[in-house]
ModelCIF file with pLDDT and N, C-alpha, C, O atoms, coordinates in Angstrom:
data_MODEL
#
_entry.id   MODEL 
#
_entity.id                         1 
_entity.type                       polymer 
_entity.pdbx_number_of_molecules   1 
#
_entity_poly.entity_id                      1 
_entity_poly.type                           'polypeptide(L)' 
_entity_poly.nstd_linkage                   no 
_entity_poly.nstd_monomer                   no 
_entity_poly.pdbx_seq_one_letter_code       DSFDKANDAPKYTANRFWRLCVASIIYYAIVFLGQW 
_entity_poly.pdbx_seq_one_letter_code_can   DSFDKANDAPKYTANRFWRLCVASIIYYAIVFLGQW 
_entity_poly.pdbx_strand_id                 A 
#
loop_
_entity_poly_seq.entity_id 
_entity_poly_seq.num 
_entity_poly_seq.mon_id 
_entity_poly_seq.hetero 
1 1  ASP n 
1 2  SER n 
1 3  PHE n 
1 4  ASP n 
1 5  LYS n 
1 6  ALA n 
1 7  ASN n 
1 8  ASP n 
1 9  ALA n 
1 10 PRO n 
1 11 LYS n 
1 12 TYR n 
1 13 THR n 
1 14 ALA n 
1 15 ASN n 
1 16 ARG n 
1 17 PHE n 
1 18 TRP n 
1 19 ARG n 
1 20 LEU n 
1 21 CYS n 
1 22 VAL n 
1 23 ALA n 
1 24 SER n 
1 25 ILE n 
1 26 ILE n 
1 27 TYR n 
1 28 TYR n 
1 29 ALA n 
1 30 ILE n 
1 31 VAL n 
1 32 PHE n 
1 33 LEU n 
1 34 GLY n 
1 35 GLN n 
1 36 TRP n 
#
_struct_asym.id          A 
_struct_asym.entity_id   1 
#
loop_
_ma_qa_metric.id 
_ma_qa_metric.mode 
_ma_qa_metric.name 
_ma_qa_metric.software_group_id 
_ma_qa_metric.type 
1 global pLDDT . pLDDT 
2 local  pLDDT . pLDDT 
#
_ma_qa_metric_global.metric_id      1 
_ma_qa_metric_global.metric_value   87.58 
_ma_qa_metric_global.model_id       1 
_ma_qa_metric_global.ordinal_id     1 
#
loop_
_ma_qa_metric_local.label_asym_id 
_ma_qa_metric_local.label_comp_id 
_ma_qa_metric_local.label_seq_id 
_ma_qa_metric_local.metric_id 
_ma_qa_metric_local.metric_value 
_ma_qa_metric_local.model_id 
_ma_qa_metric_local.ordinal_id 
A ASP 1  2 81.00 1 1  
A SER 2  2 81.00 1 2  
A PHE 3  2 79.00 1 3  
A ASP 4  2 80.00 1 4  
A LYS 5  2 81.00 1 5  
A ALA 6  2 77.00 1 6  
A ASN 7  2 76.00 1 7  
A ASP 8  2 83.00 1 8  
A ALA 9  2 86.00 1 9  
A PRO 10 2 89.00 1 10 
A LYS 11 2 92.00 1 11 
A TYR 12 2 91.00 1 12 
A THR 13 2 93.00 1 13 
A ALA 14 2 90.00 1 14 
A ASN 15 2 89.00 1 15 
A ARG 16 2 86.00 1 16 
A PHE 17 2 80.00 1 17 
A TRP 18 2 85.00 1 18 
A ARG 19 2 91.00 1 19 
A LEU 20 2 88.00 1 20 
A CYS 21 2 84.00 1 21 
A VAL 22 2 90.00 1 22 
A ALA 23 2 93.00 1 23 
A SER 24 2 87.00 1 24 
A ILE 25 2 86.00 1 25 
A ILE 26 2 93.00 1 26 
A TYR 27 2 93.00 1 27 
A TYR 28 2 89.00 1 28 
A ALA 29 2 89.00 1 29 
A ILE 30 2 94.00 1 30 
A VAL 31 2 92.00 1 31 
A PHE 32 2 90.00 1 32 
A LEU 33 2 93.00 1 33 
A GLY 34 2 95.00 1 34 
A GLN 35 2 92.00 1 35 
A TRP 36 2 95.00 1 36 
#
loop_
_atom_site.group_PDB 
_atom_site.id 
_atom_site.type_symbol 
_atom_site.label_atom_id 
_atom_site.label_alt_id 
_atom_site.label_comp_id 
_atom_site.label_asym_id 
_atom_site.label_entity_id 
_atom_site.label_seq_id 
_atom_site.pdbx_PDB_ins_code 
_atom_site.Cartn_x 
_atom_site.Cartn_y 
_atom_site.Cartn_z 
_atom_site.occupancy 
_atom_site.B_iso_or_equiv 
_atom_site.pdbx_formal_charge 
_atom_site.auth_seq_id 
_atom_site.auth_comp_id 
_atom_site.auth_asym_id 
_atom_site.auth_atom_id 
_atom_site.pdbx_PDB_model_num 
ATOM 1   N N  . ASP A 1 1  ? 19.148  -17.173 -16.439 1.00 81.00 ? 1  ASP A N  1 
ATOM 2   C CA . ASP A 1 1  ? 19.201  -18.122 -16.951 1.00 81.00 ? 1  ASP A CA 1 
ATOM 3   C C  . ASP A 1 1  ? 20.006  -19.507 -15.736 1.00 81.00 ? 1  ASP A C  1 
ATOM 4   O O  . ASP A 1 1  ? 20.436  -20.608 -16.078 1.00 81.00 ? 1  ASP A O  1 
ATOM 5   N N  . SER A 1 2  ? 19.976  -19.031 -14.616 1.00 81.00 ? 2  SER A N  1 
ATOM 6   C CA . SER A 1 2  ? 20.682  -20.319 -13.371 1.00 81.00 ? 2  SER A CA 1 
ATOM 7   C C  . SER A 1 2  ? 19.235  -20.316 -12.496 1.00 81.00 ? 2  SER A C  1 
ATOM 8   O O  . SER A 1 2  ? 19.055  -20.916 -11.437 1.00 81.00 ? 2  SER A O  1 
ATOM 9   N N  . PHE A 1 3  ? 18.413  -19.619 -13.100 1.00 79.00 ? 3  PHE A N  1 
ATOM 10  C CA . PHE A 1 3  ? 16.980  -19.873 -11.746 1.00 79.00 ? 3  PHE A CA 1 
ATOM 11  C C  . PHE A 1 3  ? 15.920  -20.830 -13.322 1.00 79.00 ? 3  PHE A C  1 
ATOM 12  O O  . PHE A 1 3  ? 15.878  -20.857 -14.552 1.00 79.00 ? 3  PHE A O  1 
ATOM 13  N N  . ASP A 1 4  ? 15.282  -21.429 -12.135 1.00 80.00 ? 4  ASP A N  1 
ATOM 14  C CA . ASP A 1 4  ? 14.084  -22.260 -12.990 1.00 80.00 ? 4  ASP A CA 1 
ATOM 15  C C  . ASP A 1 4  ? 12.949  -21.655 -13.318 1.00 80.00 ? 4  ASP A C  1 
ATOM 16  O O  . ASP A 1 4  ? 12.695  -20.770 -12.501 1.00 80.00 ? 4  ASP A O  1 
ATOM 17  N N  . LYS A 1 5  ? 11.969  -21.773 -14.356 1.00 81.00 ? 5  LYS A N  1 
ATOM 18  C CA . LYS A 1 5  ? 10.580  -20.707 -15.150 1.00 81.00 ? 5  LYS A CA 1 
ATOM 19  C C  . LYS A 1 5  ? 10.192  -20.889 -13.573 1.00 81.00 ? 5  LYS A C  1 
ATOM 20  O O  . LYS A 1 5  ? 10.319  -21.785 -12.738 1.00 81.00 ? 5  LYS A O  1 
ATOM 21  N N  . ALA A 1 6  ? 9.552   -19.321 -13.613 1.00 77.00 ? 6  ALA A N  1 
ATOM 22  C CA . ALA A 1 6  ? 8.193   -18.786 -11.824 1.00 77.00 ? 6  ALA A CA 1 
ATOM 23  C C  . ALA A 1 6  ? 7.292   -19.870 -12.283 1.00 77.00 ? 6  ALA A C  1 
ATOM 24  O O  . ALA A 1 6  ? 6.995   -20.040 -13.466 1.00 77.00 ? 6  ALA A O  1 
ATOM 25  N N  . ASN A 1 7  ? 6.727   -20.840 -10.963 1.00 76.00 ? 7  ASN A N  1 
ATOM 26  C CA . ASN A 1 7  ? 5.290   -21.154 -11.080 1.00 76.00 ? 7  ASN A CA 1 
ATOM 27  C C  . ASN A 1 7  ? 4.649   -20.753 -9.841  1.00 76.00 ? 7  ASN A C  1 
ATOM 28  O O  . ASN A 1 7  ? 4.077   -21.550 -9.097  1.00 76.00 ? 7  ASN A O  1 
ATOM 29  N N  . ASP A 1 8  ? 4.753   -19.501 -9.630  1.00 83.00 ? 8  ASP A N  1 
ATOM 30  C CA . ASP A 1 8  ? 4.871   -18.838 -8.283  1.00 83.00 ? 8  ASP A CA 1 
ATOM 31  C C  . ASP A 1 8  ? 2.731   -18.789 -8.301  1.00 83.00 ? 8  ASP A C  1 
ATOM 32  O O  . ASP A 1 8  ? 2.053   -18.673 -9.322  1.00 83.00 ? 8  ASP A O  1 
ATOM 33  N N  . ALA A 1 9  ? 2.294   -18.894 -7.137  1.00 86.00 ? 9  ALA A N  1 
ATOM 34  C CA . ALA A 1 9  ? 1.211   -19.073 -6.764  1.00 86.00 ? 9  ALA A CA 1 
ATOM 35  C C  . ALA A 1 9  ? 0.511   -17.991 -5.373  1.00 86.00 ? 9  ALA A C  1 
ATOM 36  O O  . ALA A 1 9  ? -0.393  -18.375 -4.631  1.00 86.00 ? 9  ALA A O  1 
ATOM 37  N N  . PRO A 1 10 ? 1.250   -16.488 -5.274  1.00 89.00 ? 10 PRO A N  1 
ATOM 38  C CA . PRO A 1 10 ? 0.586   -15.859 -4.046  1.00 89.00 ? 10 PRO A CA 1 
ATOM 39  C C  . PRO A 1 10 ? -0.841  -15.395 -3.893  1.00 89.00 ? 10 PRO A C  1 
ATOM 40  O O  . PRO A 1 10 ? -1.704  -14.991 -4.672  1.00 89.00 ? 10 PRO A O  1 
ATOM 41  N N  . LYS A 1 11 ? -0.756  -15.629 -2.457  1.00 92.00 ? 11 LYS A N  1 
ATOM 42  C CA . LYS A 1 11 ? -2.018  -15.726 -1.938  1.00 92.00 ? 11 LYS A CA 1 
ATOM 43  C C  . LYS A 1 11 ? -2.504  -13.983 -1.804  1.00 92.00 ? 11 LYS A C  1 
ATOM 44  O O  . LYS A 1 11 ? -1.829  -13.029 -1.420  1.00 92.00 ? 11 LYS A O  1 
ATOM 45  N N  . TYR A 1 12 ? -3.997  -14.037 -2.305  1.00 91.00 ? 12 TYR A N  1 
ATOM 46  C CA . TYR A 1 12 ? -4.506  -13.043 -2.569  1.00 91.00 ? 12 TYR A CA 1 
ATOM 47  C C  . TYR A 1 12 ? -4.489  -12.129 -1.243  1.00 91.00 ? 12 TYR A C  1 
ATOM 48  O O  . TYR A 1 12 ? -5.014  -12.607 -0.237  1.00 91.00 ? 12 TYR A O  1 
ATOM 49  N N  . THR A 1 13 ? -3.883  -10.767 -1.174  1.00 93.00 ? 13 THR A N  1 
ATOM 50  C CA . THR A 1 13 ? -4.203  -9.377  -0.203  1.00 93.00 ? 13 THR A CA 1 
ATOM 51  C C  . THR A 1 13 ? -5.264  -8.643  -0.448  1.00 93.00 ? 13 THR A C  1 
ATOM 52  O O  . THR A 1 13 ? -4.799  -7.558  -0.796  1.00 93.00 ? 13 THR A O  1 
ATOM 53  N N  . ALA A 1 14 ? -5.799  -8.615  -0.461  1.00 90.00 ? 14 ALA A N  1 
ATOM 54  C CA . ALA A 1 14 ? -7.021  -7.780  -0.274  1.00 90.00 ? 14 ALA A CA 1 
ATOM 55  C C  . ALA A 1 14 ? -6.223  -6.711  -0.425  1.00 90.00 ? 14 ALA A C  1 
ATOM 56  O O  . ALA A 1 14 ? -5.744  -6.296  0.630   1.00 90.00 ? 14 ALA A O  1 
ATOM 57  N N  . ASN A 1 15 ? -5.980  -6.234  -1.238  1.00 89.00 ? 15 ASN A N  1 
ATOM 58  C CA . ASN A 1 15 ? -5.302  -4.190  -1.093  1.00 89.00 ? 15 ASN A CA 1 
ATOM 59  C C  . ASN A 1 15 ? -6.116  -3.603  -1.466  1.00 89.00 ? 15 ASN A C  1 
ATOM 60  O O  . ASN A 1 15 ? -6.530  -4.074  -2.525  1.00 89.00 ? 15 ASN A O  1 
ATOM 61  N N  . ARG A 1 16 ? -6.913  -2.279  -0.985  1.00 86.00 ? 16 ARG A N  1 
ATOM 62  C CA . ARG A 1 16 ? -8.050  -1.923  -1.580  1.00 86.00 ? 16 ARG A CA 1 
ATOM 63  C C  . ARG A 1 16 ? -7.391  -0.206  -1.316  1.00 86.00 ? 16 ARG A C  1 
ATOM 64  O O  . ARG A 1 16 ? -6.906  0.360   -0.336  1.00 86.00 ? 16 ARG A O  1 
ATOM 65  N N  . PHE A 1 17 ? -7.740  0.304   -3.056  1.00 80.00 ? 17 PHE A N  1 
ATOM 66  C CA . PHE A 1 17 ? -7.642  1.313   -2.965  1.00 80.00 ? 17 PHE A CA 1 
ATOM 67  C C  . PHE A 1 17 ? -8.395  2.768   -1.767  1.00 80.00 ? 17 PHE A C  1 
ATOM 68  O O  . PHE A 1 17 ? -8.027  3.847   -1.301  1.00 80.00 ? 17 PHE A O  1 
ATOM 69  N N  . TRP A 1 18 ? -9.063  2.273   -1.754  1.00 85.00 ? 18 TRP A N  1 
ATOM 70  C CA . TRP A 1 18 ? -10.287 3.252   -0.737  1.00 85.00 ? 18 TRP A CA 1 
ATOM 71  C C  . TRP A 1 18 ? -9.257  2.876   0.727   1.00 85.00 ? 18 TRP A C  1 
ATOM 72  O O  . TRP A 1 18 ? -9.407  3.816   1.508   1.00 85.00 ? 18 TRP A O  1 
ATOM 73  N N  . ARG A 1 19 ? -8.546  2.104   1.161   1.00 91.00 ? 19 ARG A N  1 
ATOM 74  C CA . ARG A 1 19 ? -7.934  2.140   2.483   1.00 91.00 ? 19 ARG A CA 1 
ATOM 75  C C  . ARG A 1 19 ? -6.466  3.413   2.195   1.00 91.00 ? 19 ARG A C  1 
ATOM 76  O O  . ARG A 1 19 ? -6.050  3.998   3.195   1.00 91.00 ? 19 ARG A O  1 
ATOM 77  N N  . LEU A 1 20 ? -6.095  3.588   1.410   1.00 88.00 ? 20 LEU A N  1 
ATOM 78  C CA . LEU A 1 20 ? -5.025  4.248   0.940   1.00 88.00 ? 20 LEU A CA 1 
ATOM 79  C C  . LEU A 1 20 ? -5.347  5.908   0.855   1.00 88.00 ? 20 LEU A C  1 
ATOM 80  O O  . LEU A 1 20 ? -4.711  6.828   1.369   1.00 88.00 ? 20 LEU A O  1 
ATOM 81  N N  . CYS A 1 21 ? -6.658  5.958   -0.045  1.00 84.00 ? 21 CYS A N  1 
ATOM 82  C CA . CYS A 1 21 ? -7.051  7.259   0.244   1.00 84.00 ? 21 CYS A CA 1 
ATOM 83  C C  . CYS A 1 21 ? -7.334  7.907   1.671   1.00 84.00 ? 21 CYS A C  1 
ATOM 84  O O  . CYS A 1 21 ? -6.973  8.988   2.135   1.00 84.00 ? 21 CYS A O  1 
ATOM 85  N N  . VAL A 1 22 ? -8.185  6.768   2.265   1.00 90.00 ? 22 VAL A N  1 
ATOM 86  C CA . VAL A 1 22 ? -8.580  7.273   3.675   1.00 90.00 ? 22 VAL A CA 1 
ATOM 87  C C  . VAL A 1 22 ? -6.995  7.142   4.150   1.00 90.00 ? 22 VAL A C  1 
ATOM 88  O O  . VAL A 1 22 ? -6.930  7.849   5.156   1.00 90.00 ? 22 VAL A O  1 
ATOM 89  N N  . ALA A 1 23 ? -6.096  6.748   3.976   1.00 93.00 ? 23 ALA A N  1 
ATOM 90  C CA . ALA A 1 23 ? -5.089  7.286   5.468   1.00 93.00 ? 23 ALA A CA 1 
ATOM 91  C C  . ALA A 1 23 ? -4.249  8.496   4.946   1.00 93.00 ? 23 ALA A C  1 
ATOM 92  O O  . ALA A 1 23 ? -3.783  9.425   5.605   1.00 93.00 ? 23 ALA A O  1 
ATOM 93  N N  . SER A 1 24 ? -4.153  8.219   3.357   1.00 87.00 ? 24 SER A N  1 
ATOM 94  C CA . SER A 1 24 ? -3.656  9.882   2.708   1.00 87.00 ? 24 SER A CA 1 
ATOM 95  C C  . SER A 1 24 ? -4.089  10.815  3.596   1.00 87.00 ? 24 SER A C  1 
ATOM 96  O O  . SER A 1 24 ? -3.312  11.252  4.445   1.00 87.00 ? 24 SER A O  1 
ATOM 97  N N  . ILE A 1 25 ? -5.396  11.244  3.513   1.00 86.00 ? 25 ILE A N  1 
ATOM 98  C CA . ILE A 1 25 ? -5.859  11.843  3.589   1.00 86.00 ? 25 ILE A CA 1 
ATOM 99  C C  . ILE A 1 25 ? -6.118  12.318  5.388   1.00 86.00 ? 25 ILE A C  1 
ATOM 100 O O  . ILE A 1 25 ? -6.523  13.364  5.895   1.00 86.00 ? 25 ILE A O  1 
ATOM 101 N N  . ILE A 1 26 ? -5.703  11.107  5.935   1.00 93.00 ? 26 ILE A N  1 
ATOM 102 C CA . ILE A 1 26 ? -5.684  11.245  7.702   1.00 93.00 ? 26 ILE A CA 1 
ATOM 103 C C  . ILE A 1 26 ? -4.593  12.151  7.782   1.00 93.00 ? 26 ILE A C  1 
ATOM 104 O O  . ILE A 1 26 ? -4.568  13.243  8.349   1.00 93.00 ? 26 ILE A O  1 
ATOM 105 N N  . TYR A 1 27 ? -3.472  11.432  6.995   1.00 93.00 ? 27 TYR A N  1 
ATOM 106 C CA . TYR A 1 27 ? -1.799  11.622  6.965   1.00 93.00 ? 27 TYR A CA 1 
ATOM 107 C C  . TYR A 1 27 ? -1.867  13.499  6.526   1.00 93.00 ? 27 TYR A C  1 
ATOM 108 O O  . TYR A 1 27 ? -1.566  14.253  7.452   1.00 93.00 ? 27 TYR A O  1 
ATOM 109 N N  . TYR A 1 28 ? -2.135  13.953  5.577   1.00 89.00 ? 28 TYR A N  1 
ATOM 110 C CA . TYR A 1 28 ? -1.938  15.191  5.286   1.00 89.00 ? 28 TYR A CA 1 
ATOM 111 C C  . TYR A 1 28 ? -2.641  16.325  6.074   1.00 89.00 ? 28 TYR A C  1 
ATOM 112 O O  . TYR A 1 28 ? -2.286  17.463  6.378   1.00 89.00 ? 28 TYR A O  1 
ATOM 113 N N  . ALA A 1 29 ? -3.978  15.471  6.337   1.00 89.00 ? 29 ALA A N  1 
ATOM 114 C CA . ALA A 1 29 ? -4.588  16.239  7.429   1.00 89.00 ? 29 ALA A CA 1 
ATOM 115 C C  . ALA A 1 29 ? -3.513  16.472  8.780   1.00 89.00 ? 29 ALA A C  1 
ATOM 116 O O  . ALA A 1 29 ? -3.113  17.613  8.546   1.00 89.00 ? 29 ALA A O  1 
ATOM 117 N N  . ILE A 1 30 ? -2.954  16.115  9.817   1.00 94.00 ? 30 ILE A N  1 
ATOM 118 C CA . ILE A 1 30 ? -2.543  15.563  10.848  1.00 94.00 ? 30 ILE A CA 1 
ATOM 119 C C  . ILE A 1 30 ? -1.179  16.525  9.874   1.00 94.00 ? 30 ILE A C  1 
ATOM 120 O O  . ILE A 1 30 ? -1.232  17.634  10.405  1.00 94.00 ? 30 ILE A O  1 
ATOM 121 N N  . VAL A 1 31 ? -0.238  16.579  8.940   1.00 92.00 ? 31 VAL A N  1 
ATOM 122 C CA . VAL A 1 31 ? 0.816   16.624  8.666   1.00 92.00 ? 31 VAL A CA 1 
ATOM 123 C C  . VAL A 1 31 ? 0.183   18.626  8.842   1.00 92.00 ? 31 VAL A C  1 
ATOM 124 O O  . VAL A 1 31 ? 0.492   19.513  9.637   1.00 92.00 ? 31 VAL A O  1 
ATOM 125 N N  . PHE A 1 32 ? -0.365  18.598  8.162   1.00 90.00 ? 32 PHE A N  1 
ATOM 126 C CA . PHE A 1 32 ? -1.089  20.285  7.912   1.00 90.00 ? 32 PHE A CA 1 
ATOM 127 C C  . PHE A 1 32 ? -1.058  20.710  9.660   1.00 90.00 ? 32 PHE A C  1 
ATOM 128 O O  . PHE A 1 32 ? -0.411  21.651  10.120  1.00 90.00 ? 32 PHE A O  1 
ATOM 129 N N  . LEU A 1 33 ? -1.768  19.935  10.311  1.00 93.00 ? 33 LEU A N  1 
ATOM 130 C CA . LEU A 1 33 ? -1.713  20.233  12.054  1.00 93.00 ? 33 LEU A CA 1 
ATOM 131 C C  . LEU A 1 33 ? -1.012  20.465  12.764  1.00 93.00 ? 33 LEU A C  1 
ATOM 132 O O  . LEU A 1 33 ? -1.310  20.922  13.867  1.00 93.00 ? 33 LEU A O  1 
ATOM 133 N N  . GLY A 1 34 ? 0.214   20.220  12.361  1.00 95.00 ? 34 GLY A N  1 
ATOM 134 C CA . GLY A 1 34 ? 1.319   19.723  13.173  1.00 95.00 ? 34 GLY A CA 1 
ATOM 135 C C  . GLY A 1 34 ? 2.265   20.451  12.429  1.00 95.00 ? 34 GLY A C  1 
ATOM 136 O O  . GLY A 1 34 ? 3.374   19.987  12.694  1.00 95.00 ? 34 GLY A O  1 
ATOM 137 N N  . GLN A 1 35 ? 2.357   21.492  11.520  1.00 92.00 ? 35 GLN A N  1 
ATOM 138 C CA . GLN A 1 35 ? 3.511   21.800  10.723  1.00 92.00 ? 35 GLN A CA 1 
ATOM 139 C C  . GLN A 1 35 ? 4.260   22.522  11.735  1.00 92.00 ? 35 GLN A C  1 
ATOM 140 O O  . GLN A 1 35 ? 5.467   22.298  11.827  1.00 92.00 ? 35 GLN A O  1 
ATOM 141 N N  . TRP A 1 36 ? 3.680   23.390  12.535  1.00 95.00 ? 36 TRP A N  1 
ATOM 142 C CA . TRP A 1 36 ? 4.252   24.010  13.697  1.00 95.00 ? 36 TRP A CA 1 
ATOM 143 C C  . TRP A 1 36 ? 5.136   23.238  14.555  1.00 95.00 ? 36 TRP A C  1 
ATOM 144 O O  . TRP A 1 36 ? 5.633   23.757  15.554  1.00 95.00 ? 36 TRP A O  1 
#
């Protein structure tokens, strides 16, 4: 209650699901190959 009402306007960040997919596939492939 001590805060004013929000009036935010965040900038667009261009977050992309495909980037997560690519990073995840590469990440887990390397984790798998480097288990030793």
